[in-house]
Amino acid sequence: QAPEKERELVATLTTGDSTNYADSVKGRFTISR
């Protein structure tokens, strides 16, 4: 959440190892556990 903006999804990871990324971070951010 940036100032004066709504909270937005960045990345998620399920127990089945499915990932989802915001378009703005694809190729730059990686979620792992």
PDB file of all heavy atoms in Angstrom:
ATOM      1  N   GLN A   1       0.846  -1.181   0.000  1.00  0.00           N
ATOM      2  CA  GLN A   1       0.000   0.000   0.000  1.00  0.00           C
ATOM      3  C   GLN A   1       0.885   1.237   0.000  1.00  0.00           C
ATOM      4  O   GLN A   1       1.651   1.460   0.947  1.00  0.00           O
ATOM      5  CB  GLN A   1      -0.932   0.008   1.214  1.00  0.00           C
ATOM      6  CG  GLN A   1      -1.954   1.125   1.179  1.00  0.00           C
ATOM      7  CD  GLN A   1      -3.063   0.926   2.191  1.00  0.00           C
ATOM      8  OE1 GLN A   1      -2.944   0.141   3.134  1.00  0.00           O
ATOM      9  NE2 GLN A   1      -4.174   1.612   1.998  1.00  0.00           N
ATOM     10  N   ALA A   2       0.766   2.020  -1.059  1.00  0.00           N
ATOM     11  CA  ALA A   2       1.490   3.281  -1.158  1.00  0.00           C
ATOM     12  C   ALA A   2       0.628   4.395  -0.573  1.00  0.00           C
ATOM     13  O   ALA A   2      -0.600   4.227  -0.449  1.00  0.00           O
ATOM     14  CB  ALA A   2       1.826   3.566  -2.612  1.00  0.00           C
ATOM     15  N   PRO A   3       1.235   5.503  -0.212  1.00  0.00           N
ATOM     16  CA  PRO A   3       0.456   6.610   0.366  1.00  0.00           C
ATOM     17  C   PRO A   3      -0.691   7.031  -0.546  1.00  0.00           C
ATOM     18  O   PRO A   3      -0.510   7.175  -1.754  1.00  0.00           O
ATOM     19  CB  PRO A   3       1.493   7.732   0.507  1.00  0.00           C
ATOM     20  CG  PRO A   3       2.788   7.017   0.649  1.00  0.00           C
ATOM     21  CD  PRO A   3       2.677   5.806  -0.233  1.00  0.00           C
ATOM     22  N   GLU A   4      -1.862   7.166   0.039  1.00  0.00           N
ATOM     23  CA  GLU A   4      -3.060   7.620  -0.655  1.00  0.00           C
ATOM     24  C   GLU A   4      -3.514   6.659  -1.749  1.00  0.00           C
ATOM     25  O   GLU A   4      -4.271   7.049  -2.645  1.00  0.00           O
ATOM     26  CB  GLU A   4      -2.870   9.023  -1.216  1.00  0.00           C
ATOM     27  CG  GLU A   4      -2.527  10.059  -0.137  1.00  0.00           C
ATOM     28  CD  GLU A   4      -2.386  11.453  -0.686  1.00  0.00           C
ATOM     29  OE1 GLU A   4      -2.494  11.621  -1.911  1.00  0.00           O
ATOM     30  OE2 GLU A   4      -2.170  12.373   0.114  1.00  0.00           O
ATOM     31  N   LYS A   5      -3.070   5.434  -1.691  1.00  0.00           N
ATOM     32  CA  LYS A   5      -3.514   4.418  -2.646  1.00  0.00           C
ATOM     33  C   LYS A   5      -4.083   3.222  -1.903  1.00  0.00           C
ATOM     34  O   LYS A   5      -3.809   3.023  -0.725  1.00  0.00           O
ATOM     35  CB  LYS A   5      -2.361   3.982  -3.554  1.00  0.00           C
ATOM     36  CG  LYS A   5      -1.889   5.046  -4.517  1.00  0.00           C
ATOM     37  CD  LYS A   5      -0.893   4.479  -5.504  1.00  0.00           C
ATOM     38  CE  LYS A   5      -0.478   5.517  -6.538  1.00  0.00           C
ATOM     39  NZ  LYS A   5       0.478   4.958  -7.532  1.00  0.00           N
ATOM     40  N   GLU A   6      -4.867   2.429  -2.634  1.00  0.00           N
ATOM     41  CA  GLU A   6      -5.441   1.231  -2.024  1.00  0.00           C
ATOM     42  C   GLU A   6      -4.381   0.119  -1.949  1.00  0.00           C
ATOM     43  O   GLU A   6      -3.434   0.097  -2.731  1.00  0.00           O
ATOM     44  CB  GLU A   6      -6.646   0.758  -2.839  1.00  0.00           C
ATOM     45  CG  GLU A   6      -7.817   1.716  -2.807  1.00  0.00           C
ATOM     46  CD  GLU A   6      -9.053   1.142  -3.476  1.00  0.00           C
ATOM     47  OE1 GLU A   6      -8.965   0.046  -4.068  1.00  0.00           O
ATOM     48  OE2 GLU A   6     -10.115   1.790  -3.407  1.00  0.00           O
ATOM     49  N   ARG A   7      -4.619  -0.793  -1.012  1.00  0.00           N
ATOM     50  CA  ARG A   7      -3.737  -1.940  -0.909  1.00  0.00           C
ATOM     51  C   ARG A   7      -3.900  -2.810  -2.148  1.00  0.00           C
ATOM     52  O   ARG A   7      -5.011  -3.065  -2.600  1.00  0.00           O
ATOM     53  CB  ARG A   7      -4.061  -2.747   0.350  1.00  0.00           C
ATOM     54  CG  ARG A   7      -3.049  -3.812   0.706  1.00  0.00           C
ATOM     55  CD  ARG A   7      -3.332  -4.429   2.058  1.00  0.00           C
ATOM     56  NE  ARG A   7      -3.221  -3.456   3.142  1.00  0.00           N
ATOM     57  CZ  ARG A   7      -3.267  -3.778   4.436  1.00  0.00           C
ATOM     58  NH1 ARG A   7      -3.420  -5.055   4.787  1.00  0.00           N
ATOM     59  NH2 ARG A   7      -3.183  -2.848   5.350  1.00  0.00           N
ATOM     60  N   GLU A   8      -2.784  -3.279  -2.697  1.00  0.00           N
ATOM     61  CA  GLU A   8      -2.839  -4.067  -3.911  1.00  0.00           C
ATOM     62  C   GLU A   8      -2.007  -5.347  -3.776  1.00  0.00           C
ATOM     63  O   GLU A   8      -1.017  -5.398  -3.033  1.00  0.00           O
ATOM     64  CB  GLU A   8      -2.308  -3.265  -5.109  1.00  0.00           C
ATOM     65  CG  GLU A   8      -0.856  -2.854  -5.008  1.00  0.00           C
ATOM     66  CD  GLU A   8      -0.364  -2.149  -6.252  1.00  0.00           C
ATOM     67  OE1 GLU A   8      -1.156  -1.906  -7.187  1.00  0.00           O
ATOM     68  OE2 GLU A   8       0.841  -1.832  -6.301  1.00  0.00           O
ATOM     69  N   LEU A   9      -2.418  -6.352  -4.531  1.00  0.00           N
ATOM     70  CA  LEU A   9      -1.708  -7.624  -4.539  1.00  0.00           C
ATOM     71  C   LEU A   9      -0.366  -7.457  -5.220  1.00  0.00           C
ATOM     72  O   LEU A   9      -0.257  -6.782  -6.252  1.00  0.00           O
ATOM     73  CB  LEU A   9      -2.541  -8.672  -5.269  1.00  0.00           C
ATOM     74  CG  LEU A   9      -1.949 -10.075  -5.410  1.00  0.00           C
ATOM     75  CD1 LEU A   9      -3.073 -11.111  -5.372  1.00  0.00           C
ATOM     76  CD2 LEU A   9      -1.164 -10.227  -6.691  1.00  0.00           C
ATOM     77  N   VAL A  10       0.660  -8.076  -4.637  1.00  0.00           N
ATOM     78  CA  VAL A  10       1.985  -8.120  -5.252  1.00  0.00           C
ATOM     79  C   VAL A  10       2.249  -9.530  -5.772  1.00  0.00           C
ATOM     80  O   VAL A  10       2.559  -9.724  -6.940  1.00  0.00           O
ATOM     81  CB  VAL A  10       3.078  -7.705  -4.257  1.00  0.00           C
ATOM     82  CG1 VAL A  10       4.457  -7.843  -4.887  1.00  0.00           C
ATOM     83  CG2 VAL A  10       2.848  -6.277  -3.764  1.00  0.00           C
ATOM     84  N   ALA A  11       2.136 -10.518  -4.876  1.00  0.00           N
ATOM     85  CA  ALA A  11       2.412 -11.902  -5.271  1.00  0.00           C
ATOM     86  C   ALA A  11       1.773 -12.846  -4.274  1.00  0.00           C
ATOM     87  O   ALA A  11       1.707 -12.537  -3.075  1.00  0.00           O
ATOM     88  CB  ALA A  11       3.916 -12.158  -5.341  1.00  0.00           C
ATOM     89  N   THR A  12       1.316 -13.997  -4.765  1.00  0.00           N
ATOM     90  CA  THR A  12       0.779 -15.026  -3.880  1.00  0.00           C
ATOM     91  C   THR A  12       1.347 -16.387  -4.267  1.00  0.00           C
ATOM     92  O   THR A  12       1.773 -16.611  -5.411  1.00  0.00           O
ATOM     93  CB  THR A  12      -0.758 -15.090  -3.935  1.00  0.00           C
ATOM     94  OG1 THR A  12      -1.165 -15.382  -5.269  1.00  0.00           O
ATOM     95  CG2 THR A  12      -1.384 -13.800  -3.452  1.00  0.00           C
ATOM     96  N   LEU A  13       1.332 -17.291  -3.285  1.00  0.00           N
ATOM     97  CA  LEU A  13       1.851 -18.654  -3.467  1.00  0.00           C
ATOM     98  C   LEU A  13       0.932 -19.602  -2.726  1.00  0.00           C
ATOM     99  O   LEU A  13       0.692 -19.414  -1.527  1.00  0.00           O
ATOM    100  CB  LEU A  13       3.273 -18.740  -2.911  1.00  0.00           C
ATOM    101  CG  LEU A  13       3.941 -20.109  -2.859  1.00  0.00           C
ATOM    102  CD1 LEU A  13       4.137 -20.668  -4.264  1.00  0.00           C
ATOM    103  CD2 LEU A  13       5.282 -20.013  -2.134  1.00  0.00           C
ATOM    104  N   THR A  14       0.410 -20.603  -3.419  1.00  0.00           N
ATOM    105  CA  THR A  14      -0.487 -21.565  -2.774  1.00  0.00           C
ATOM    106  C   THR A  14       0.292 -22.796  -2.318  1.00  0.00           C
ATOM    107  O   THR A  14       1.438 -23.011  -2.707  1.00  0.00           O
ATOM    108  CB  THR A  14      -1.596 -22.011  -3.724  1.00  0.00           C
ATOM    109  OG1 THR A  14      -1.027 -22.849  -4.739  1.00  0.00           O
ATOM    110  CG2 THR A  14      -2.305 -20.827  -4.360  1.00  0.00           C
ATOM    111  N   THR A  15      -0.387 -23.633  -1.515  1.00  0.00           N
ATOM    112  CA  THR A  15       0.258 -24.866  -1.064  1.00  0.00           C
ATOM    113  C   THR A  15       0.528 -25.793  -2.233  1.00  0.00           C
ATOM    114  O   THR A  15       1.377 -26.674  -2.133  1.00  0.00           O
ATOM    115  CB  THR A  15      -0.613 -25.576  -0.024  1.00  0.00           C
ATOM    116  OG1 THR A  15      -1.941 -25.734  -0.542  1.00  0.00           O
ATOM    117  CG2 THR A  15      -0.667 -24.777   1.274  1.00  0.00           C
ATOM    118  N   GLY A  16      -0.192 -25.598  -3.329  1.00  0.00           N
ATOM    119  CA  GLY A  16       0.057 -26.383  -4.532  1.00  0.00           C
ATOM    120  C   GLY A  16       1.129 -25.787  -5.421  1.00  0.00           C
ATOM    121  O   GLY A  16       1.305 -26.221  -6.568  1.00  0.00           O
ATOM    122  N   ASP A  17       1.829 -24.778  -4.920  1.00  0.00           N
ATOM    123  CA  ASP A  17       2.931 -24.121  -5.626  1.00  0.00           C
ATOM    124  C   ASP A  17       2.498 -23.263  -6.809  1.00  0.00           C
ATOM    125  O   ASP A  17       3.319 -22.947  -7.677  1.00  0.00           O
ATOM    126  CB  ASP A  17       3.996 -25.122  -6.087  1.00  0.00           C
ATOM    127  CG  ASP A  17       4.786 -25.701  -4.934  1.00  0.00           C
ATOM    128  OD1 ASP A  17       4.907 -25.013  -3.902  1.00  0.00           O
ATOM    129  OD2 ASP A  17       5.260 -26.840  -5.053  1.00  0.00           O
ATOM    130  N   SER A  18       1.243 -22.899  -6.856  1.00  0.00           N
ATOM    131  CA  SER A  18       0.802 -21.949  -7.877  1.00  0.00           C
ATOM    132  C   SER A  18       1.173 -20.540  -7.434  1.00  0.00           C
ATOM    133  O   SER A  18       0.982 -20.187  -6.269  1.00  0.00           O
ATOM    134  CB  SER A  18      -0.706 -22.049  -8.078  1.00  0.00           C
ATOM    135  OG  SER A  18      -1.053 -23.292  -8.619  1.00  0.00           O
ATOM    136  N   THR A  19       1.662 -19.750  -8.365  1.00  0.00           N
ATOM    137  CA  THR A  19       2.026 -18.374  -8.056  1.00  0.00           C
ATOM    138  C   THR A  19       1.212 -17.404  -8.913  1.00  0.00           C
ATOM    139  O   THR A  19       0.749 -17.746 -10.000  1.00  0.00           O
ATOM    140  CB  THR A  19       3.522 -18.114  -8.312  1.00  0.00           C
ATOM    141  OG1 THR A  19       3.825 -18.438  -9.674  1.00  0.00           O
ATOM    142  CG2 THR A  19       4.385 -18.938  -7.383  1.00  0.00           C
ATOM    143  N   ASN A  20       1.061 -16.219  -8.368  1.00  0.00           N
ATOM    144  CA  ASN A  20       0.364 -15.159  -9.083  1.00  0.00           C
ATOM    145  C   ASN A  20       1.084 -13.851  -8.773  1.00  0.00           C
ATOM    146  O   ASN A  20       1.395 -13.577  -7.601  1.00  0.00           O
ATOM    147  CB  ASN A  20      -1.092 -15.080  -8.629  1.00  0.00           C
ATOM    148  CG  ASN A  20      -1.885 -14.049  -9.400  1.00  0.00           C
ATOM    149  OD1 ASN A  20      -1.683 -13.870 -10.601  1.00  0.00           O
ATOM    150  ND2 ASN A  20      -2.792 -13.359  -8.732  1.00  0.00           N
ATOM    151  N   TYR A  21       1.368 -13.081  -9.801  1.00  0.00           N
ATOM    152  CA  TYR A  21       2.091 -11.829  -9.630  1.00  0.00           C
ATOM    153  C   TYR A  21       1.320 -10.677 -10.264  1.00  0.00           C
ATOM    154  O   TYR A  21       0.685 -10.846 -11.310  1.00  0.00           O
ATOM    155  CB  TYR A  21       3.471 -11.889 -10.297  1.00  0.00           C
ATOM    156  CG  TYR A  21       4.435 -12.850  -9.664  1.00  0.00           C
ATOM    157  CD1 TYR A  21       4.558 -14.150 -10.132  1.00  0.00           C
ATOM    158  CD2 TYR A  21       5.251 -12.450  -8.608  1.00  0.00           C
ATOM    159  CE1 TYR A  21       5.454 -15.043  -9.554  1.00  0.00           C
ATOM    160  CE2 TYR A  21       6.158 -13.322  -8.031  1.00  0.00           C
ATOM    161  CZ  TYR A  21       6.254 -14.619  -8.506  1.00  0.00           C
ATOM    162  OH  TYR A  21       7.153 -15.484  -7.934  1.00  0.00           O
ATOM    163  N   ALA A  22       1.444  -9.516  -9.657  1.00  0.00           N
ATOM    164  CA  ALA A  22       0.938  -8.308 -10.295  1.00  0.00           C
ATOM    165  C   ALA A  22       1.753  -8.057 -11.564  1.00  0.00           C
ATOM    166  O   ALA A  22       2.961  -8.329 -11.587  1.00  0.00           O
ATOM    167  CB  ALA A  22       1.060  -7.120  -9.345  1.00  0.00           C
ATOM    168  N   ASP A  23       1.102  -7.541 -12.590  1.00  0.00           N
ATOM    169  CA  ASP A  23       1.807  -7.277 -13.845  1.00  0.00           C
ATOM    170  C   ASP A  23       3.004  -6.355 -13.635  1.00  0.00           C
ATOM    171  O   ASP A  23       4.028  -6.490 -14.296  1.00  0.00           O
ATOM    172  CB  ASP A  23       0.852  -6.654 -14.867  1.00  0.00           C
ATOM    173  CG  ASP A  23      -0.154  -7.660 -15.400  1.00  0.00           C
ATOM    174  OD1 ASP A  23       0.073  -8.875 -15.258  1.00  0.00           O
ATOM    175  OD2 ASP A  23      -1.174  -7.227 -15.962  1.00  0.00           O
ATOM    176  N   SER A  24       2.870  -5.439 -12.715  1.00  0.00           N
ATOM    177  CA  SER A  24       3.919  -4.441 -12.497  1.00  0.00           C
ATOM    178  C   SER A  24       5.202  -5.013 -11.909  1.00  0.00           C
ATOM    179  O   SER A  24       6.247  -4.359 -11.936  1.00  0.00           O
ATOM    180  CB  SER A  24       3.391  -3.330 -11.582  1.00  0.00           C
ATOM    181  OG  SER A  24       3.000  -3.859 -10.330  1.00  0.00           O
ATOM    182  N   VAL A  25       5.138  -6.235 -11.355  1.00  0.00           N
ATOM    183  CA  VAL A  25       6.334  -6.823 -10.724  1.00  0.00           C
ATOM    184  C   VAL A  25       6.815  -8.086 -11.417  1.00  0.00           C
ATOM    185  O   VAL A  25       7.855  -8.635 -11.038  1.00  0.00           O
ATOM    186  CB  VAL A  25       6.086  -7.106  -9.223  1.00  0.00           C
ATOM    187  CG1 VAL A  25       5.580  -5.853  -8.510  1.00  0.00           C
ATOM    188  CG2 VAL A  25       5.145  -8.282  -9.013  1.00  0.00           C
ATOM    189  N   LYS A  26       6.069  -8.563 -12.405  1.00  0.00           N
ATOM    190  CA  LYS A  26       6.469  -9.790 -13.103  1.00  0.00           C
ATOM    191  C   LYS A  26       7.864  -9.633 -13.702  1.00  0.00           C
ATOM    192  O   LYS A  26       8.181  -8.618 -14.315  1.00  0.00           O
ATOM    193  CB  LYS A  26       5.460 -10.116 -14.204  1.00  0.00           C
ATOM    194  CG  LYS A  26       4.166 -10.712 -13.696  1.00  0.00           C
ATOM    195  CD  LYS A  26       3.203 -11.017 -14.846  1.00  0.00           C
ATOM    196  CE  LYS A  26       1.906 -11.616 -14.333  1.00  0.00           C
ATOM    197  NZ  LYS A  26       0.931 -11.854 -15.425  1.00  0.00           N
ATOM    198  N   GLY A  27       8.680 -10.667 -13.486  1.00  0.00           N
ATOM    199  CA  GLY A  27      10.051 -10.637 -13.998  1.00  0.00           C
ATOM    200  C   GLY A  27      11.037  -9.953 -13.071  1.00  0.00           C
ATOM    201  O   GLY A  27      12.245 -10.041 -13.283  1.00  0.00           O
ATOM    202  N   ARG A  28      10.518  -9.273 -12.054  1.00  0.00           N
ATOM    203  CA  ARG A  28      11.404  -8.580 -11.111  1.00  0.00           C
ATOM    204  C   ARG A  28      11.306  -9.153  -9.696  1.00  0.00           C
ATOM    205  O   ARG A  28      12.307  -9.186  -8.979  1.00  0.00           O
ATOM    206  CB  ARG A  28      11.062  -7.086 -11.056  1.00  0.00           C
ATOM    207  CG  ARG A  28      11.192  -6.366 -12.374  1.00  0.00           C
ATOM    208  CD  ARG A  28      11.044  -4.858 -12.201  1.00  0.00           C
ATOM    209  NE  ARG A  28       9.731  -4.470 -11.703  1.00  0.00           N
ATOM    210  CZ  ARG A  28       9.523  -3.770 -10.587  1.00  0.00           C
ATOM    211  NH1 ARG A  28      10.560  -3.378  -9.855  1.00  0.00           N
ATOM    212  NH2 ARG A  28       8.288  -3.450 -10.215  1.00  0.00           N
ATOM    213  N   PHE A  29      10.119  -9.584  -9.288  1.00  0.00           N
ATOM    214  CA  PHE A  29       9.899 -10.104  -7.936  1.00  0.00           C
ATOM    215  C   PHE A  29       9.669 -11.609  -8.001  1.00  0.00           C
ATOM    216  O   PHE A  29       9.081 -12.126  -8.959  1.00  0.00           O
ATOM    217  CB  PHE A  29       8.668  -9.458  -7.307  1.00  0.00           C
ATOM    218  CG  PHE A  29       8.812  -7.994  -6.974  1.00  0.00           C
ATOM    219  CD1 PHE A  29       9.892  -7.239  -7.400  1.00  0.00           C
ATOM    220  CD2 PHE A  29       7.838  -7.364  -6.204  1.00  0.00           C
ATOM    221  CE1 PHE A  29      10.000  -5.897  -7.081  1.00  0.00           C
ATOM    222  CE2 PHE A  29       7.932  -6.022  -5.886  1.00  0.00           C
ATOM    223  CZ  PHE A  29       9.018  -5.295  -6.335  1.00  0.00           C
ATOM    224  N   THR A  30      10.103 -12.303  -6.938  1.00  0.00           N
ATOM    225  CA  THR A  30       9.880 -13.740  -6.842  1.00  0.00           C
ATOM    226  C   THR A  30       9.443 -14.094  -5.440  1.00  0.00           C
ATOM    227  O   THR A  30      10.097 -13.715  -4.461  1.00  0.00           O
ATOM    228  CB  THR A  30      11.164 -14.526  -7.169  1.00  0.00           C
ATOM    229  OG1 THR A  30      11.622 -14.171  -8.481  1.00  0.00           O
ATOM    230  CG2 THR A  30      10.903 -16.028  -7.127  1.00  0.00           C
ATOM    231  N   ILE A  31       8.331 -14.823  -5.335  1.00  0.00           N
ATOM    232  CA  ILE A  31       7.847 -15.294  -4.048  1.00  0.00           C
ATOM    233  C   ILE A  31       8.286 -16.736  -3.858  1.00  0.00           C
ATOM    234  O   ILE A  31       8.291 -17.531  -4.808  1.00  0.00           O
ATOM    235  CB  ILE A  31       6.315 -15.153  -3.944  1.00  0.00           C
ATOM    236  CG1 ILE A  31       5.834 -15.448  -2.522  1.00  0.00           C
ATOM    237  CG2 ILE A  31       5.593 -16.012  -4.967  1.00  0.00           C
ATOM    238  CD1 ILE A  31       4.368 -15.099  -2.279  1.00  0.00           C
ATOM    239  N   SER A  32       8.679 -17.065  -2.627  1.00  0.00           N
ATOM    240  CA  SER A  32       9.126 -18.426  -2.332  1.00  0.00           C
ATOM    241  C   SER A  32       8.873 -18.708  -0.861  1.00  0.00           C
ATOM    242  O   SER A  32       8.475 -17.820  -0.100  1.00  0.00           O
ATOM    243  CB  SER A  32      10.608 -18.600  -2.660  1.00  0.00           C
ATOM    244  OG  SER A  32      11.404 -17.756  -1.842  1.00  0.00           O
ATOM    245  N   ARG A  33       9.112 -19.950  -0.460  1.00  0.00           N
ATOM    246  CA  ARG A  33       8.905 -20.293   0.951  1.00  0.00           C
ATOM    247  C   ARG A  33       9.956 -21.286   1.403  1.00  0.00           C
ATOM    248  O   ARG A  33      10.538 -22.020   0.606  1.00  0.00           O
ATOM    249  CB  ARG A  33       7.509 -20.866   1.175  1.00  0.00           C
ATOM    250  CG  ARG A  33       7.239 -22.154   0.436  1.00  0.00           C
ATOM    251  CD  ARG A  33       5.905 -22.780   0.847  1.00  0.00           C
ATOM    252  NE  ARG A  33       5.612 -23.926  -0.008  1.00  0.00           N
ATOM    253  CZ  ARG A  33       4.573 -23.991  -0.822  1.00  0.00           C
ATOM    254  NH1 ARG A  33       3.704 -22.994  -0.883  1.00  0.00           N
ATOM    255  NH2 ARG A  33       4.384 -25.055  -1.558  1.00  0.00           N
TER     256      ARG A  33
END
